[in-house]
Amino acid sequence: MSRLTLDEPESDIQPVPERRRGPRHPPTYTADEIASLRIVKCQLRRNFLFCQLSDGNLLCTPLAVSPSLAEAPPWALYQWQVVEEGEAILWNTGILCEHLDLPGLLALPEALISELPRAS
């Protein structure tokens, strides 16, 4: 299966191999799993926040879940930090101040998980 990349102009779009093991789905973590889960790294793409989690999965949430993020200028969006030993993401640019914790992100109705293949 292939997907199209979204970062190139339409005329330059090339198929790339699908990396997910299946379709995105809502999070199904238990409270104990959430307590041990951490954000490893983040990436912003278009209007979405992607967080790689310590279990190897990818959490996807739209920026629209936070009015502050949805209305922030692009330069401010990229001034994030993973804080609290991977339990939250913080934006503190003077113009944008937002704190999103992992349990809160996982509880959002818009949150989706992509299960990525595990390294052997």
Protein backbone atom coordinates (compact mmCIF):
# COMPACT_ATOMS: atom_id res chain seq x y z
CA MET A 1 0.00 0.00 0.00
CA SER A 2 1.22 3.54 -0.75
CA ARG A 3 0.26 6.96 0.43
CA LEU A 4 0.93 10.41 -0.98
CA THR A 5 3.14 12.89 0.80
CA LEU A 6 1.52 16.22 1.64
CA ASP A 7 4.57 18.44 1.97
CA GLU A 8 5.33 18.87 -1.75
CA PRO A 9 3.43 20.86 -4.37
CA GLU A 10 0.74 18.76 -6.03
CA SER A 11 2.75 18.33 -9.23
CA ASP A 12 5.67 16.87 -7.22
CA ILE A 13 3.66 14.37 -5.14
CA GLN A 14 5.25 10.93 -5.22
CA PRO A 15 3.92 7.67 -3.74
CA VAL A 16 5.80 6.57 -0.65
CA PRO A 17 5.57 3.22 1.14
CA GLU A 18 2.96 3.00 3.89
CA ARG A 19 4.63 2.77 7.30
CA ARG A 20 1.60 2.07 9.49
CA ARG A 21 0.56 -1.46 10.41
CA GLY A 22 -3.09 -0.56 9.95
CA PRO A 23 -5.52 2.36 9.94
CA ARG A 24 -5.40 5.00 12.68
CA HIS A 25 -7.68 4.32 15.62
CA PRO A 26 -8.69 5.98 18.90
CA PRO A 27 -6.33 5.36 21.85
CA THR A 28 -7.11 2.25 23.90
CA TYR A 29 -4.48 2.55 26.65
CA THR A 30 -5.25 1.51 30.22
CA ALA A 31 -4.58 3.93 33.09
CA ASP A 32 -1.42 1.95 34.00
CA GLU A 33 -0.16 2.10 30.41
CA ILE A 34 -0.77 5.85 30.25
CA ALA A 35 1.12 6.34 33.53
CA SER A 36 4.24 4.75 32.02
CA LEU A 37 3.87 6.23 28.51
CA ARG A 38 6.08 9.17 27.46
CA ILE A 39 6.36 11.55 24.51
CA VAL A 40 9.67 10.84 22.76
CA LYS A 41 9.49 13.52 20.07
CA CYS A 42 7.00 15.71 18.26
CA GLN A 43 6.42 16.98 14.76
CA LEU A 44 4.02 19.52 13.32
CA ARG A 45 2.56 18.94 9.87
CA ARG A 46 -0.03 21.23 8.40
CA ASN A 47 -2.71 21.49 11.08
CA PHE A 48 -1.71 18.40 13.07
CA LEU A 49 0.55 17.54 15.98
CA PHE A 50 2.25 14.14 15.80
CA CYS A 51 3.87 12.71 18.94
CA GLN A 52 6.03 9.62 18.84
CA LEU A 53 5.31 7.70 22.03
CA SER A 54 7.65 5.56 24.10
CA ASP A 55 5.80 2.40 23.02
CA GLY A 56 6.67 3.16 19.39
CA ASN A 57 3.20 4.32 18.36
CA LEU A 58 2.36 7.72 16.89
CA LEU A 59 -0.31 9.98 18.41
CA CYS A 60 -2.00 12.38 15.98
CA THR A 61 -4.19 15.29 17.10
CA PRO A 62 -5.40 18.34 15.19
CA LEU A 63 -4.04 21.68 16.40
CA ALA A 64 -7.66 22.87 16.51
CA VAL A 65 -8.07 21.07 19.87
CA SER A 66 -6.38 24.16 21.32
CA PRO A 67 -7.69 27.55 20.17
CA SER A 68 -4.31 29.06 21.13
CA LEU A 69 -2.45 26.66 18.85
CA ALA A 70 -4.98 26.93 16.02
CA GLU A 71 -4.62 30.73 15.96
CA ALA A 72 -0.86 30.97 16.59
CA PRO A 73 1.51 32.19 13.88
CA PRO A 74 3.54 29.39 12.27
CA TRP A 75 6.87 30.57 13.77
CA ALA A 76 5.39 30.28 17.30
CA LEU A 77 4.08 26.75 16.72
CA TYR A 78 7.59 25.45 16.15
CA GLN A 79 8.81 26.76 19.55
CA TRP A 80 7.67 23.72 21.52
CA GLN A 81 9.49 21.62 24.12
CA VAL A 82 8.83 18.16 25.49
CA VAL A 83 8.78 18.74 29.26
CA GLU A 84 8.12 16.90 32.52
CA GLU A 85 10.24 13.92 31.43
CA GLY A 86 8.08 13.31 28.37
CA GLU A 87 4.71 13.75 30.05
CA ALA A 88 3.78 17.04 28.33
CA ILE A 89 4.48 19.54 25.55
CA LEU A 90 4.98 23.22 26.29
CA TRP A 91 4.86 26.29 24.07
CA ASN A 92 6.09 29.46 25.79
CA THR A 93 7.05 32.10 23.25
CA GLY A 94 5.59 35.21 24.84
CA ILE A 95 2.92 35.30 22.15
CA LEU A 96 1.88 31.68 22.71
CA CYS A 97 1.66 29.92 26.05
CA GLU A 98 0.16 26.43 25.96
CA HIS A 99 0.73 23.26 28.00
CA LEU A 100 -0.67 19.93 26.77
CA ASP A 101 -0.18 16.83 28.90
CA LEU A 102 -0.12 13.34 27.44
CA PRO A 103 -3.14 11.96 29.35
CA GLY A 104 -5.16 14.97 28.18
CA LEU A 105 -4.07 14.49 24.57
CA LEU A 106 -4.96 10.79 24.68
CA ALA A 107 -8.40 11.62 26.11
CA LEU A 108 -9.32 13.95 23.24
CA PRO A 109 -12.08 12.58 20.98
CA GLU A 110 -9.98 13.71 17.98
CA ALA A 111 -6.88 11.77 19.09
CA LEU A 112 -5.81 8.92 16.82
CA ILE A 113 -3.05 6.33 17.18
CA SER A 114 -0.98 4.92 14.35
CA GLU A 115 0.71 1.65 15.16
CA LEU A 116 4.12 1.69 13.49
CA PRO A 117 6.12 -1.45 12.71
CA ARG A 118 8.50 -2.46 15.48
CA ALA A 119 12.20 -2.92 14.74
CA SER A 120 13.21 -6.56 14.92
